[in-house]
Amino acid sequence: MRNAESIILSAETRALFEELPRRLYGPLYRGERAPDGLPFFVVRGDKGDVLSRAAIWTNPDVSFRDETPGLIGSFECVDDAACAAAVLEAAETSIRAAGFHRVVGPMNGTTWAPYRLALPEGAPCRFPLEPMNPAYYCGLWESLGYEVIANYTSSCFPLGPDSFPRVEKATRILEKRGVTVYDFRPDRLEEELNAIYEVSVVSFRHNFVYAPITRDAFLAQYLPIVGRLRPHDAAIARRADGTPAGFVFGFPNAYAPAGKEYVIKTIAVLPDPDCRGLGGLLVERMAKMAFEDGFTLAYHALMHEDNISSNIGNHAHAEVCRRYRLYAKELG
């Protein structure tokens, strides 16, 4: 049995923290938003190379089964059950000692950050912002007593002239209610991002294991992402008084070898009567844009199986192309 070392993330230990994912993912790994002071565990090989890693994240606003759980995130491991057991059991021991009775993971502190594991089967091509773990990760967690507490899917559908049949009719209906959809305005970046934030914190608040995020933290996290979008990679809906009612954003799949795939990443709509049908319009409007730009396949990404967005994303020719899982364990 290998031993896990307890380490605190700092400027001096960040290279060690990032060593294994850099080795596993190569140029796909772009670093992590992990704060100094984060406690993590590593298991090293005989030559000092990192074989597994896991961090303890905390968030008092996360709730699972009416309790605040401990969170294990930043998990990486070679294909070795003993190495996985060493870091996960060390993290569990620390979490139990802190007074938590359950652990949820993998989750880097919040659903606003990386969480979940991808199952091995599915589409051959990954896309940015989805979990990119090796195929054996789910098996490692399940072999150590973790139960599945949530399932997520990504679906894909071919883009063609029939991919957006309701755009014109839905646009007229929504406009009669005073709801207008327009392309994202990069020259008003902070104003647009504030609109996305205002819709997100209302639309997502009932999501599974959701925790709120401050406006400043949201802006810091998403400003670099949204700042790289083309104008029609995002759309925002507003009422006649200017208040935001919904949004969608997506991007070309940079991992697709032929460059013809488009990812519809996030959609959110306020749960108000005048917004009925807005989600479908936002998705079809983006599908129309992608088709006109020459894309031939679209993903509707990372939907909770029970979430209303899975209905919004339904398409006559859509098929589930990848599945993801979130886990928990009773610590006793």
Protein backbone atom coordinates (compact mmCIF):
# COMPACT_ATOMS: atom_id res chain seq x y z
CA MET A 1 0.00 0.00 0.00
CA ARG A 2 1.42 3.35 -1.02
CA ASN A 3 1.31 6.28 1.38
CA ALA A 4 -0.31 9.60 0.60
CA GLU A 5 1.50 12.83 1.45
CA SER A 6 -0.45 15.80 2.80
CA ILE A 7 0.54 19.09 1.11
CA ILE A 8 -0.76 22.67 1.06
CA LEU A 9 -0.97 24.38 -2.31
CA SER A 10 1.33 27.37 -2.65
CA ALA A 11 3.59 28.98 -5.20
CA GLU A 12 6.26 26.48 -4.20
CA THR A 13 4.02 23.37 -4.48
CA ARG A 14 1.93 24.33 -7.54
CA ALA A 15 4.28 22.54 -9.94
CA LEU A 16 3.85 19.36 -7.91
CA PHE A 17 0.05 19.85 -7.85
CA GLU A 18 -0.07 20.19 -11.63
CA GLU A 19 2.53 17.54 -12.50
CA LEU A 20 0.17 14.60 -13.05
CA PRO A 21 -2.56 16.33 -15.13
CA ARG A 22 0.13 17.87 -17.32
CA ARG A 23 1.48 14.38 -17.93
CA LEU A 24 -1.96 12.84 -18.50
CA TYR A 25 -3.46 15.50 -20.79
CA GLY A 26 -0.49 17.17 -22.43
CA PRO A 27 -1.38 20.38 -24.31
CA LEU A 28 -5.09 19.98 -23.44
CA TYR A 29 -4.27 20.86 -19.83
CA ARG A 30 -4.33 24.63 -19.29
CA GLY A 31 -3.89 24.79 -15.51
CA GLU A 32 -6.56 25.11 -12.81
CA ARG A 33 -8.26 27.82 -10.77
CA ALA A 34 -7.03 26.34 -7.48
CA PRO A 35 -6.27 28.75 -4.62
CA ASP A 36 -3.18 28.85 -2.48
CA GLY A 37 -3.94 27.19 0.84
CA LEU A 38 -5.85 24.31 -0.76
CA PRO A 39 -5.02 21.05 1.08
CA PHE A 40 -4.23 18.15 -1.24
CA PHE A 41 -2.72 14.68 -1.16
CA VAL A 42 -0.34 13.00 -3.56
CA VAL A 43 1.05 9.53 -3.96
CA ARG A 44 4.49 9.32 -5.54
CA GLY A 45 6.23 6.53 -7.39
CA ASP A 46 9.67 5.14 -6.65
CA LYS A 47 11.27 7.86 -8.79
CA GLY A 48 9.29 10.66 -7.14
CA ASP A 49 6.77 11.07 -9.96
CA VAL A 50 3.19 11.79 -8.90
CA LEU A 51 0.87 8.80 -9.40
CA SER A 52 -2.34 10.18 -7.87
CA ARG A 53 -3.73 13.43 -6.52
CA ALA A 54 -6.84 14.63 -4.68
CA ALA A 55 -7.72 17.90 -2.95
CA ILE A 56 -10.14 18.81 -0.17
CA TRP A 57 -12.45 21.62 -1.21
CA THR A 58 -14.93 23.22 1.19
CA ASN A 59 -18.13 25.16 0.57
CA PRO A 60 -20.67 25.71 3.38
CA ASP A 61 -23.35 26.58 0.81
CA VAL A 62 -23.34 23.14 -0.85
CA SER A 63 -26.09 20.89 0.52
CA PHE A 64 -26.57 17.16 0.03
CA ARG A 65 -29.25 15.19 1.88
CA ASP A 66 -29.86 18.21 4.12
CA GLU A 67 -26.24 18.39 5.25
CA THR A 68 -23.08 20.16 4.17
CA PRO A 69 -20.77 17.49 2.75
CA GLY A 70 -17.02 17.44 2.45
CA LEU A 71 -15.85 17.81 -1.13
CA ILE A 72 -13.07 15.96 -2.93
CA GLY A 73 -11.91 17.47 -6.19
CA SER A 74 -8.83 17.90 -8.37
CA PHE A 75 -8.66 14.11 -8.62
CA GLU A 76 -6.14 12.61 -11.01
CA CYS A 77 -4.66 9.12 -11.02
CA VAL A 78 -2.76 6.62 -13.09
CA ASP A 79 -4.61 3.37 -13.80
CA ASP A 80 -3.89 1.88 -10.39
CA ALA A 81 -6.55 1.16 -7.76
CA ALA A 82 -4.06 1.26 -4.89
CA CYS A 83 -2.92 4.76 -5.81
CA ALA A 84 -6.53 5.94 -6.05
CA ALA A 85 -7.38 4.35 -2.71
CA ALA A 86 -4.43 6.02 -1.00
CA VAL A 87 -5.34 9.61 -1.92
CA LEU A 88 -9.11 9.20 -1.59
CA GLU A 89 -8.91 7.45 1.77
CA ALA A 90 -6.48 10.08 3.06
CA ALA A 91 -8.90 12.80 1.97
CA GLU A 92 -11.84 10.96 3.55
CA THR A 93 -9.97 10.64 6.85
CA SER A 94 -9.27 14.37 6.89
CA ILE A 95 -12.87 15.22 5.98
CA ARG A 96 -14.23 12.91 8.68
CA ALA A 97 -11.90 14.47 11.25
CA ALA A 98 -13.33 17.89 10.32
CA GLY A 99 -16.80 16.67 11.33
CA PHE A 100 -18.38 15.84 7.97
CA HIS A 101 -20.44 12.68 7.59
CA ARG A 102 -20.55 12.54 3.81
CA VAL A 103 -18.28 13.36 0.92
CA VAL A 104 -19.29 14.43 -2.60
CA GLY A 105 -17.02 14.42 -5.61
CA PRO A 106 -15.26 14.99 -7.74
CA MET A 107 -16.10 18.66 -7.29
CA ASN A 108 -13.72 21.59 -7.14
CA GLY A 109 -15.73 23.39 -4.49
CA THR A 110 -18.83 24.26 -6.51
CA THR A 111 -20.81 23.42 -9.62
CA TRP A 112 -19.47 26.68 -11.08
CA ALA A 113 -16.06 24.95 -11.24
CA PRO A 114 -15.03 21.58 -12.74
CA TYR A 115 -16.96 18.61 -11.34
CA ARG A 116 -18.26 15.17 -12.45
CA LEU A 117 -16.54 12.30 -14.25
CA ALA A 118 -17.08 11.28 -17.86
CA LEU A 119 -17.93 7.66 -18.60
CA PRO A 120 -15.70 5.96 -21.16
CA GLU A 121 -18.23 5.31 -23.91
CA GLY A 122 -19.52 7.96 -26.26
CA ALA A 123 -18.52 10.28 -29.07
CA PRO A 124 -14.91 9.89 -30.18
CA CYS A 125 -14.26 13.63 -29.97
CA ARG A 126 -14.19 15.61 -26.74
CA PHE A 127 -15.07 19.28 -26.49
CA PRO A 128 -13.72 22.10 -24.30
CA LEU A 129 -15.15 22.57 -20.77
CA GLU A 130 -16.37 18.97 -20.42
CA PRO A 131 -14.65 16.54 -18.01
CA MET A 132 -11.70 15.01 -19.85
CA ASN A 133 -10.73 12.27 -17.42
CA PRO A 134 -9.31 8.92 -18.52
CA ALA A 135 -11.80 6.11 -19.12
CA TYR A 136 -10.95 4.20 -15.92
CA TYR A 137 -11.77 6.97 -13.41
CA CYS A 138 -15.41 6.00 -12.78
CA GLY A 139 -14.32 2.43 -12.08
CA LEU A 140 -11.77 3.63 -9.52
CA TRP A 141 -14.34 5.67 -7.59
CA GLU A 142 -16.98 2.96 -7.67
CA SER A 143 -14.51 0.29 -6.51
CA LEU A 144 -13.89 2.41 -3.40
CA GLY A 145 -17.53 2.54 -2.34
CA TYR A 146 -18.74 5.73 -4.01
CA GLU A 147 -22.35 5.73 -5.16
CA VAL A 148 -23.73 7.62 -8.14
CA ILE A 149 -25.91 10.52 -6.94
CA ALA A 150 -26.43 12.35 -10.24
CA ASN A 151 -26.26 11.51 -13.93
CA TYR A 152 -25.61 13.98 -16.74
CA THR A 153 -25.58 13.68 -20.50
CA SER A 154 -24.38 15.44 -23.61
CA SER A 155 -26.38 14.91 -26.78
CA CYS A 156 -25.48 15.65 -30.37
CA PHE A 157 -27.52 16.20 -33.50
CA PRO A 158 -26.75 16.85 -37.15
CA LEU A 159 -27.24 20.40 -38.36
CA GLY A 160 -29.33 20.91 -41.45
CA PRO A 161 -32.10 23.11 -42.85
CA ASP A 162 -34.63 21.33 -40.59
CA SER A 163 -32.69 21.92 -37.35
CA PHE A 164 -34.49 25.16 -36.48
CA PRO A 165 -38.14 24.93 -37.65
CA ARG A 166 -39.63 27.13 -34.91
CA VAL A 167 -37.31 30.13 -34.93
CA GLU A 168 -39.50 32.59 -36.82
CA LYS A 169 -42.77 31.63 -35.12
CA ALA A 170 -41.22 31.57 -31.63
CA THR A 171 -39.55 34.91 -32.24
CA ARG A 172 -42.90 36.51 -33.12
CA ILE A 173 -44.61 35.00 -30.07
CA LEU A 174 -41.91 36.18 -27.68
CA GLU A 175 -41.76 39.64 -29.20
CA LYS A 176 -45.51 40.01 -28.65
CA ARG A 177 -44.78 39.40 -24.97
CA GLY A 178 -42.06 42.06 -25.07
CA VAL A 179 -39.12 39.62 -25.06
CA THR A 180 -36.43 40.25 -27.68
CA VAL A 181 -33.35 38.14 -28.45
CA TYR A 182 -30.17 39.73 -29.77
CA ASP A 183 -26.54 38.72 -30.36
CA PHE A 184 -23.99 39.25 -27.63
CA ARG A 185 -22.31 42.67 -27.74
CA PRO A 186 -18.53 42.41 -27.11
CA ASP A 187 -18.21 46.19 -26.92
CA ARG A 188 -20.47 46.11 -23.82
CA LEU A 189 -18.79 43.13 -22.24
CA GLU A 190 -19.35 43.80 -18.55
CA GLU A 191 -22.99 44.83 -19.08
CA GLU A 192 -23.67 41.63 -21.03
CA LEU A 193 -21.90 39.46 -18.46
CA ASN A 194 -23.92 41.08 -15.68
CA ALA A 195 -27.09 40.12 -17.57
CA ILE A 196 -25.88 36.52 -17.82
CA TYR A 197 -25.10 36.52 -14.10
CA GLU A 198 -28.54 37.85 -13.15
CA VAL A 199 -30.30 35.11 -15.12
CA SER A 200 -27.91 32.38 -13.96
CA VAL A 201 -28.34 32.91 -10.22
CA VAL A 202 -32.12 32.62 -10.57
CA SER A 203 -32.30 29.89 -13.21
CA PHE A 204 -29.68 27.60 -11.61
CA ARG A 205 -30.58 28.01 -7.93
CA HIS A 206 -32.61 24.81 -7.78
CA ASN A 207 -29.96 22.73 -9.55
CA PHE A 208 -28.60 19.70 -7.72
CA VAL A 209 -25.85 20.56 -5.14
CA TYR A 210 -25.91 24.15 -6.37
CA ALA A 211 -24.19 26.86 -4.34
CA PRO A 212 -24.48 30.60 -5.04
CA ILE A 213 -21.61 32.64 -6.40
CA THR A 214 -20.91 36.33 -5.90
CA ARG A 215 -21.08 38.71 -8.81
CA ASP A 216 -17.37 39.53 -8.46
CA ALA A 217 -16.37 35.85 -8.45
CA PHE A 218 -18.60 35.20 -11.46
CA LEU A 219 -17.09 38.09 -13.41
CA ALA A 220 -13.55 36.99 -12.56
CA GLN A 221 -14.27 33.43 -13.69
CA TYR A 222 -16.21 34.11 -16.88
CA LEU A 223 -14.83 37.39 -18.19
CA PRO A 224 -11.85 35.64 -19.87
CA ILE A 225 -14.17 33.03 -21.45
CA VAL A 226 -16.91 35.37 -22.64
CA GLY A 227 -14.34 37.88 -23.84
CA ARG A 228 -13.19 35.36 -26.47
CA LEU A 229 -16.67 34.73 -27.90
CA ARG A 230 -17.69 35.90 -31.34
CA PRO A 231 -20.86 38.07 -31.24
CA HIS A 232 -23.18 35.26 -32.35
CA ASP A 233 -21.59 32.68 -30.03
CA ALA A 234 -23.94 34.06 -27.39
CA ALA A 235 -27.42 35.50 -27.37
CA ILE A 236 -29.26 37.37 -24.63
CA ALA A 237 -33.00 37.87 -24.26
CA ARG A 238 -34.34 41.01 -22.61
CA ARG A 239 -37.77 42.33 -21.78
CA ALA A 240 -39.01 45.67 -23.06
CA ASP A 241 -37.76 47.38 -19.88
CA GLY A 242 -34.24 46.04 -20.54
CA THR A 243 -34.16 43.42 -17.78
CA PRO A 244 -32.53 40.13 -18.86
CA ALA A 245 -34.78 37.08 -19.31
CA GLY A 246 -32.46 34.39 -20.68
CA PHE A 247 -29.24 33.61 -22.50
CA VAL A 248 -27.38 30.91 -24.40
CA PHE A 249 -23.73 30.59 -25.24
CA GLY A 250 -21.69 28.18 -27.30
CA PHE A 251 -18.48 27.85 -29.28
CA PRO A 252 -16.84 25.87 -32.08
CA ASN A 253 -15.37 22.59 -30.90
CA ALA A 254 -11.64 23.26 -31.05
CA TYR A 255 -10.94 19.54 -30.53
CA ALA A 256 -12.87 18.39 -33.61
CA PRO A 257 -10.37 17.38 -36.31
CA ALA A 258 -12.56 18.56 -39.19
CA GLY A 259 -13.56 21.76 -37.41
CA LYS A 260 -17.27 21.25 -38.18
CA GLU A 261 -18.68 20.71 -34.69
CA TYR A 262 -20.41 23.33 -32.54
CA VAL A 263 -21.04 23.15 -28.78
CA ILE A 264 -24.19 24.68 -27.29
CA LYS A 265 -22.74 24.87 -23.81
CA THR A 266 -25.10 26.74 -21.46
CA ILE A 267 -28.69 27.88 -21.61
CA ALA A 268 -30.69 29.57 -18.88
CA VAL A 269 -34.16 31.14 -18.84
CA LEU A 270 -36.07 32.80 -16.02
CA PRO A 271 -38.95 30.64 -14.74
CA ASP A 272 -41.58 33.25 -15.64
CA PRO A 273 -44.73 32.84 -17.76
CA ASP A 274 -43.60 35.39 -20.35
CA CYS A 275 -40.43 33.31 -20.91
CA ARG A 276 -42.30 30.15 -21.89
CA GLY A 277 -40.77 28.85 -25.13
CA LEU A 278 -37.71 31.10 -24.85
CA GLY A 279 -35.33 28.23 -24.14
CA GLY A 280 -36.30 26.39 -27.30
CA LEU A 281 -35.94 29.57 -29.33
CA LEU A 282 -32.45 30.25 -27.97
CA VAL A 283 -31.26 26.74 -28.84
CA GLU A 284 -32.78 26.74 -32.34
CA ARG A 285 -31.50 30.25 -33.03
CA MET A 286 -27.98 29.10 -32.14
CA ALA A 287 -28.37 25.94 -34.25
CA LYS A 288 -29.41 28.12 -37.20
CA MET A 289 -26.36 30.35 -36.73
CA ALA A 290 -24.05 27.34 -36.54
CA PHE A 291 -25.53 25.78 -39.68
CA GLU A 292 -25.18 29.03 -41.61
CA ASP A 293 -21.54 29.20 -40.48
CA GLY A 294 -20.88 25.78 -42.01
CA PHE A 295 -21.02 23.54 -38.93
CA THR A 296 -22.51 20.08 -39.52
CA LEU A 297 -22.93 18.73 -35.95
CA ALA A 298 -23.99 20.35 -32.68
CA TYR A 299 -23.67 19.24 -29.06
CA HIS A 300 -26.11 20.15 -26.33
CA ALA A 301 -23.71 19.86 -23.44
CA LEU A 302 -23.71 18.58 -19.88
CA MET A 303 -27.39 18.37 -18.95
CA HIS A 304 -28.65 16.87 -15.71
CA GLU A 305 -30.94 14.00 -16.64
CA ASP A 306 -33.79 15.50 -14.60
CA ASN A 307 -33.17 19.13 -15.53
CA ILE A 308 -35.60 21.11 -17.65
CA SER A 309 -32.71 22.02 -19.95
CA SER A 310 -32.70 18.41 -21.15
CA ASN A 311 -36.19 19.04 -22.51
CA ILE A 312 -35.11 22.35 -23.99
CA GLY A 313 -32.27 20.54 -25.73
CA ASN A 314 -34.40 17.76 -27.17
CA HIS A 315 -34.17 17.56 -30.94
CA ALA A 316 -35.82 15.16 -33.37
CA HIS A 317 -32.46 13.67 -34.37
CA ALA A 318 -30.53 14.13 -31.11
CA GLU A 319 -28.74 11.18 -29.54
CA VAL A 320 -26.94 10.92 -26.22
CA CYS A 321 -23.25 10.88 -27.05
CA ARG A 322 -21.63 10.94 -23.61
CA ARG A 323 -22.62 10.39 -19.99
CA TYR A 324 -21.18 11.76 -16.75
CA ARG A 325 -21.53 10.92 -13.06
CA LEU A 326 -21.24 12.65 -9.70
CA TYR A 327 -20.54 10.54 -6.62
CA ALA A 328 -20.98 10.53 -2.85
CA LYS A 329 -19.94 8.32 0.03
CA GLU A 330 -21.14 7.95 3.62
CA LEU A 331 -18.21 8.33 5.99
CA GLY A 332 -19.83 6.83 9.08
